[in-house]
C-alpha atoms as a PDB file:
ATOM      1  CA  MET A   1      21.065  13.194   3.317  1.00  0.00           C
ATOM      2  CA  HIS A   2      22.641   9.797   3.837  1.00  0.00           C
ATOM      3  CA  SER A   3      24.650  11.003   6.831  1.00  0.00           C
ATOM      4  CA  ARG A   4      21.464  12.355   8.438  1.00  0.00           C
ATOM      5  CA  LYS A   5      19.853   8.965   8.037  1.00  0.00           C
ATOM      6  CA  ARG A   6      22.914   7.233   9.524  1.00  0.00           C
ATOM      7  CA  ILE A   7      22.912   9.598  12.493  1.00  0.00           C
ATOM      8  CA  ARG A   8      19.188   8.999  12.996  1.00  0.00           C
ATOM      9  CA  LEU A   9      19.751   5.230  12.842  1.00  0.00           C
ATOM     10  CA  LEU A  10      22.612   5.497  15.331  1.00  0.00           C
ATOM     11  CA  LEU A  11      20.488   7.556  17.727  1.00  0.00           C
ATOM     12  CA  CYS A  12      17.594   5.118  17.412  1.00  0.00           C
ATOM     13  CA  SER A  13      19.960   2.211  18.062  1.00  0.00           C
ATOM     14  CA  LEU A  14      21.285   3.915  21.170  1.00  0.00           C
ATOM     15  CA  ALA A  15      17.721   4.542  22.339  1.00  0.00           C
ATOM     16  CA  LEU A  16      16.976   0.856  21.825  1.00  0.00           C
ATOM     17  CA  LEU A  17      19.947  -0.112  23.947  1.00  0.00           C
ATOM     18  CA  THR A  18      19.047   2.237  26.790  1.00  0.00           C
ATOM     19  CA  CYS A  19      15.461   1.091  27.236  1.00  0.00           C
ATOM     20  CA  CYS A  20      15.490  -2.664  26.773  1.00  0.00           C
ATOM     21  CA  GLN A  21      12.172  -4.407  26.954  1.00  0.00           C
ATOM     22  CA  LYS A  22      11.484  -7.658  25.127  1.00  0.00           C
ATOM     23  CA  ALA A  23       8.961  -7.382  22.304  1.00  0.00           C
ATOM     24  CA  ASP A  24       7.534 -10.463  20.650  1.00  0.00           C
ATOM     25  CA  LEU A  25       6.959  -9.899  16.949  1.00  0.00           C
ATOM     26  CA  THR A  26       5.003 -13.047  16.414  1.00  0.00           C
ATOM     27  CA  VAL A  27       2.428 -12.450  13.719  1.00  0.00           C
ATOM     28  CA  GLU A  28      -0.992 -14.064  13.610  1.00  0.00           C
ATOM     29  CA  PRO A  29      -3.300 -12.094  11.298  1.00  0.00           C
ATOM     30  CA  ASP A  30      -6.707 -13.423  10.246  1.00  0.00           C
ATOM     31  CA  GLY A  31      -6.535 -16.506   8.088  1.00  0.00           C
ATOM     32  CA  MET A  32      -3.128 -17.736   9.252  1.00  0.00           C
ATOM     33  CA  GLU A  33      -2.891 -21.256  10.598  1.00  0.00           C
ATOM     34  CA  GLU A  34      -0.309 -20.582  13.305  1.00  0.00           C
ATOM     35  CA  ALA A  35       1.729 -17.755  14.772  1.00  0.00           C
ATOM     36  CA  HIS A  36       5.355 -17.259  13.735  1.00  0.00           C
ATOM     37  CA  PRO A  37       8.004 -14.572  14.128  1.00  0.00           C
ATOM     38  CA  VAL A  38       8.667 -12.017  11.423  1.00  0.00           C
ATOM     39  CA  VAL A  39      12.290 -12.841  10.632  1.00  0.00           C
ATOM     40  CA  GLY A  40      13.282 -10.908   7.527  1.00  0.00           C
ATOM     41  CA  THR A  41      12.398  -9.365   4.213  1.00  0.00           C
ATOM     42  CA  GLY A  42      12.361 -10.241   0.568  1.00  0.00           C
ATOM     43  CA  GLY A  43      10.316 -13.419   0.187  1.00  0.00           C
ATOM     44  CA  GLY A  44       6.785 -12.087   0.072  1.00  0.00           C
ATOM     45  CA  THR A  45       5.682 -14.340   2.947  1.00  0.00           C
ATOM     46  CA  ALA A  46       4.383 -13.205   6.333  1.00  0.00           C
ATOM     47  CA  ALA A  47       7.692 -14.254   7.914  1.00  0.00           C
ATOM     48  CA  CYS A  48       9.812 -12.637   5.170  1.00  0.00           C
ATOM     49  CA  PRO A  49       7.654  -9.882   3.669  1.00  0.00           C
ATOM     50  CA  TYR A  50       8.612  -7.667   0.761  1.00  0.00           C
ATOM     51  CA  THR A  51       9.411  -4.058   1.578  1.00  0.00           C
ATOM     52  CA  VAL A  52       7.996  -1.166  -0.418  1.00  0.00           C
ATOM     53  CA  THR A  53      11.442  -0.806  -2.007  1.00  0.00           C
ATOM     54  CA  ASP A  54      11.282  -4.476  -3.075  1.00  0.00           C
ATOM     55  CA  VAL A  55       7.895  -3.951  -4.764  1.00  0.00           C
ATOM     56  CA  LEU A  56       8.972  -0.748  -6.512  1.00  0.00           C
ATOM     57  CA  GLY A  57      12.079  -2.519  -7.827  1.00  0.00           C
ATOM     58  CA  MET A  58      10.275  -5.551  -9.279  1.00  0.00           C
ATOM     59  CA  ASP A  59      10.594  -5.978 -13.038  1.00  0.00           C
ATOM     60  CA  THR A  60       7.540  -8.243 -13.142  1.00  0.00           C
ATOM     61  CA  LEU A  61       4.882  -8.424 -10.475  1.00  0.00           C
ATOM     62  CA  PRO A  62       3.888 -11.846  -9.069  1.00  0.00           C
ATOM     63  CA  ASN A  63       0.361 -13.014  -9.878  1.00  0.00           C
ATOM     64  CA  GLU A  64      -0.334 -14.340  -6.386  1.00  0.00           C
ATOM     65  CA  ALA A  65      -0.914 -12.643  -3.043  1.00  0.00           C
ATOM     66  CA  VAL A  66       2.225 -11.559  -1.191  1.00  0.00           C
ATOM     67  CA  TRP A  67       2.998  -9.898   2.128  1.00  0.00           C
ATOM     68  CA  VAL A  68       4.463  -6.379   2.178  1.00  0.00           C
ATOM     69  CA  ILE A  69       5.704  -4.357   5.152  1.00  0.00           C
ATOM     70  CA  GLY A  70       5.947  -0.576   5.287  1.00  0.00           C
ATOM     71  CA  TYR A  71       4.651   2.601   6.875  1.00  0.00           C
ATOM     72  CA  MET A  72       1.239   4.137   6.210  1.00  0.00           C
ATOM     73  CA  VAL A  73       2.180   7.670   5.155  1.00  0.00           C
ATOM     74  CA  GLY A  74      -0.861   8.934   3.300  1.00  0.00           C
ATOM     75  CA  THR A  75      -3.473   8.369   0.644  1.00  0.00           C
ATOM     76  CA  ALA A  76      -3.929   9.193  -3.041  1.00  0.00           C
ATOM     77  CA  PRO A  77      -7.456  10.299  -3.990  1.00  0.00           C
ATOM     78  CA  ARG A  78      -7.954   9.144  -7.618  1.00  0.00           C
ATOM     79  CA  ALA A  79      -4.276   9.651  -8.612  1.00  0.00           C
ATOM     80  CA  MET A  80      -0.761   9.527  -7.188  1.00  0.00           C
ATOM     81  CA  SER A  81      -0.390  13.191  -8.205  1.00  0.00           C
ATOM     82  CA  ASN A  82      -3.101  13.971  -5.600  1.00  0.00           C
ATOM     83  CA  ALA A  83      -1.176  12.275  -2.764  1.00  0.00           C
ATOM     84  CA  VAL A  84      -1.960  13.584   0.713  1.00  0.00           C
ATOM     85  CA  PHE A  85       0.643  12.952   3.424  1.00  0.00           C
ATOM     86  CA  SER A  86      -1.426  13.809   6.488  1.00  0.00           C
ATOM     87  CA  PRO A  87      -3.412  11.898   9.117  1.00  0.00           C
ATOM     88  CA  GLU A  88      -6.376  14.210   8.415  1.00  0.00           C
ATOM     89  CA  ALA A  89      -6.881  12.797   4.907  1.00  0.00           C
ATOM     90  CA  GLU A  90     -10.474  11.837   4.072  1.00  0.00           C
ATOM     91  CA  ASN A  91      -9.950   9.322   1.245  1.00  0.00           C
ATOM     92  CA  GLN A  92     -10.951   5.754   2.202  1.00  0.00           C
ATOM     93  CA  SER A  93     -10.279   3.991  -1.098  1.00  0.00           C
ATOM     94  CA  ASN A  94      -6.527   3.512  -0.588  1.00  0.00           C
ATOM     95  CA  ILE A  95      -3.486   4.174   1.544  1.00  0.00           C
ATOM     96  CA  LEU A  96       0.125   4.845   0.625  1.00  0.00           C
ATOM     97  CA  LEU A  97       2.829   2.601   2.032  1.00  0.00           C
ATOM     98  CA  ALA A  98       6.488   3.709   2.160  1.00  0.00           C
ATOM     99  CA  SER A  99       9.780   2.301   3.428  1.00  0.00           C
ATOM    100  CA  ASP A 100      10.334   5.479   5.477  1.00  0.00           C
ATOM    101  CA  SER A 101       7.791   6.701   8.025  1.00  0.00           C
ATOM    102  CA  LEU A 102       8.594  10.334   7.131  1.00  0.00           C
ATOM    103  CA  CYS A 103       8.176   9.904   3.363  1.00  0.00           C
ATOM    104  CA  LYS A 104       6.398  12.716   1.511  1.00  0.00           C
ATOM    105  CA  ASP A 105       7.339  11.629  -2.025  1.00  0.00           C
ATOM    106  CA  ALA A 106       4.626   9.715  -3.905  1.00  0.00           C
ATOM    107  CA  SER A 107       7.232   8.133  -6.197  1.00  0.00           C
ATOM    108  CA  GLN A 108       8.681   6.329  -3.152  1.00  0.00           C
ATOM    109  CA  CYS A 109       5.279   4.888  -2.150  1.00  0.00           C
ATOM    110  CA  ILE A 110       3.031   2.073  -3.276  1.00  0.00           C
ATOM    111  CA  PRO A 111      -0.742   2.556  -3.226  1.00  0.00           C
ATOM    112  CA  ILE A 112      -2.769  -0.111  -1.428  1.00  0.00           C
ATOM    113  CA  GLU A 113      -6.311  -0.475  -2.780  1.00  0.00           C
ATOM    114  CA  LEU A 114      -8.963  -0.785  -0.066  1.00  0.00           C
ATOM    115  CA  SER A 115     -11.955  -2.081  -2.006  1.00  0.00           C
ATOM    116  CA  THR A 116     -13.972  -3.770   0.763  1.00  0.00           C
ATOM    117  CA  GLU A 117     -15.726  -2.183   3.719  1.00  0.00           C
ATOM    118  CA  LYS A 118     -13.719  -4.440   6.057  1.00  0.00           C
ATOM    119  CA  ASN A 119     -10.421  -3.171   4.607  1.00  0.00           C
ATOM    120  CA  LYS A 120     -11.602   0.437   4.736  1.00  0.00           C
ATOM    121  CA  LEU A 121     -12.487  -0.021   8.395  1.00  0.00           C
ATOM    122  CA  ASN A 122      -9.219  -1.779   9.261  1.00  0.00           C
ATOM    123  CA  PHE A 123      -6.722   0.240   7.208  1.00  0.00           C
ATOM    124  CA  SER A 124      -8.043   3.547   5.780  1.00  0.00           C
ATOM    125  CA  LEU A 125      -6.684   6.820   7.113  1.00  0.00           C
ATOM    126  CA  PRO A 126     -10.019   8.280   8.268  1.00  0.00           C
ATOM    127  CA  THR A 127     -10.679   5.284  10.539  1.00  0.00           C
ATOM    128  CA  ASN A 128      -7.038   4.691  11.514  1.00  0.00           C
ATOM    129  CA  ALA A 129      -5.527   8.165  11.860  1.00  0.00           C
ATOM    130  CA  THR A 130      -3.686   7.045  15.009  1.00  0.00           C
ATOM    131  CA  HIS A 131      -1.753   4.574  12.842  1.00  0.00           C
ATOM    132  CA  PHE A 132      -0.432   7.330  10.557  1.00  0.00           C
ATOM    133  CA  GLY A 133       3.320   6.798  10.144  1.00  0.00           C
ATOM    134  CA  LYS A 134       3.065   3.350  11.762  1.00  0.00           C
ATOM    135  CA  CYS A 135       4.256   0.030  10.422  1.00  0.00           C
ATOM    136  CA  LEU A 136       1.795  -2.228   8.602  1.00  0.00           C
ATOM    137  CA  LEU A 137       2.226  -5.831   7.448  1.00  0.00           C
ATOM    138  CA  ILE A 138      -0.349  -6.433   4.722  1.00  0.00           C
ATOM    139  CA  GLU A 139      -1.237  -9.173   2.233  1.00  0.00           C
ATOM    140  CA  GLY A 140      -2.451  -8.422  -1.269  1.00  0.00           C
ATOM    141  CA  THR A 141      -1.820  -9.040  -4.942  1.00  0.00           C
ATOM    142  CA  PRO A 142       0.839  -6.863  -6.598  1.00  0.00           C
ATOM    143  CA  SER A 143      -0.678  -5.040  -9.540  1.00  0.00           C
ATOM    144  CA  THR A 144      -0.630  -1.767 -11.388  1.00  0.00           C
ATOM    145  CA  TYR A 145      -2.843   0.576  -9.394  1.00  0.00           C
ATOM    146  CA  LEU A 146      -3.139   4.335  -9.980  1.00  0.00           C
ATOM    147  CA  TYR A 147      -0.670   3.850 -12.874  1.00  0.00           C
ATOM    148  CA  THR A 148       2.119   2.582 -10.602  1.00  0.00           C
ATOM    149  CA  LYS A 149       3.120  -0.587  -8.777  1.00  0.00           C
ATOM    150  CA  GLY A 150       0.846  -1.260  -5.826  1.00  0.00           C
ATOM    151  CA  LEU A 151      -1.310  -3.862  -4.066  1.00  0.00           C
ATOM    152  CA  ARG A 152      -4.869  -4.866  -4.887  1.00  0.00           C
ATOM    153  CA  LYS A 153      -7.172  -7.561  -3.533  1.00  0.00           C
ATOM    154  CA  VAL A 154      -6.014  -7.029   0.062  1.00  0.00           C
ATOM    155  CA  SER A 155      -6.988 -10.054   2.125  1.00  0.00           C
ATOM    156  CA  THR A 156      -5.563  -9.300   5.570  1.00  0.00           C
ATOM    157  CA  GLY A 157      -3.075  -7.180   7.451  1.00  0.00           C
ATOM    158  CA  LEU A 158      -1.674  -6.396  10.848  1.00  0.00           C
ATOM    159  CA  TRP A 159      -0.647  -3.101  12.437  1.00  0.00           C
ATOM    160  CA  MET A 160       2.830  -3.579  13.914  1.00  0.00           C
ATOM    161  CA  ASP A 161       2.478  -1.038  16.731  1.00  0.00           C
ATOM    162  CA  GLY A 162       5.830  -0.113  18.244  1.00  0.00           C
ATOM    163  CA  PHE A 163       7.755  -1.808  15.442  1.00  0.00           C
ATOM    164  CA  ASP A 164      10.259   0.235  13.440  1.00  0.00           C
ATOM    165  CA  ILE A 165      11.676  -1.541  10.381  1.00  0.00           C
ATOM    166  CA  SER A 166      14.298   1.158   9.858  1.00  0.00           C
ATOM    167  CA  THR A 167      16.231   0.606  13.093  1.00  0.00           C
ATOM    168  CA  VAL A 168      16.447  -3.176  13.380  1.00  0.00           C
ATOM    169  CA  ALA A 169      18.015  -5.607  10.913  1.00  0.00           C
ATOM    170  CA  PRO A 170      15.431  -7.987   9.386  1.00  0.00           C
ATOM    171  CA  GLN A 171      17.250 -11.078  10.682  1.00  0.00           C
ATOM    172  CA  GLU A 172      16.656  -9.768  14.217  1.00  0.00           C
ATOM    173  CA  TRP A 173      12.917  -9.105  13.818  1.00  0.00           C
ATOM    174  CA  GLY A 174      11.821 -12.314  15.523  1.00  0.00           C
ATOM    175  CA  SER A 175      13.204 -11.192  18.878  1.00  0.00           C
ATOM    176  CA  ILE A 176      13.715  -7.463  19.282  1.00  0.00           C
ATOM    177  CA  ASP A 177      14.829  -5.470  22.309  1.00  0.00           C
ATOM    178  CA  ILE A 178      12.986  -2.140  22.327  1.00  0.00           C
END
């Protein structure tokens, strides 16, 4: 399994080298004062967001809003045991975020509660099916949700179209050749 992932990463890296086009990963979601590059992971800020793996590994969850980056891979109607990993899902109340865009294991995902109509419009699967498997940078409060670690009270987010967190080192996110 690990060698498959390494081969996939190598192939993606080679693809990146063969079709170089500068991509600016400056982030400016609603409510942010100024734009800045996304430069790494692990701090919970927009510039250094947590990954799904970071959130799942936390012993205690912070009580304030943090930024998390991952891939929208599905939804969980009423329970993680009901997880649906398909762009045709109809549930609007949450999405599942994973560190791997091909994830089909609910235990490797965090549920993101979409409690407002604005969040349902901007992030739910039924209204954003074209973003299935795509990278999302989202701000919310870490909390237990659907009996697992997740995000609630989502305040803002940004679809990172064309951005693949699995093929580029976080320290290189601010200026990526793709």
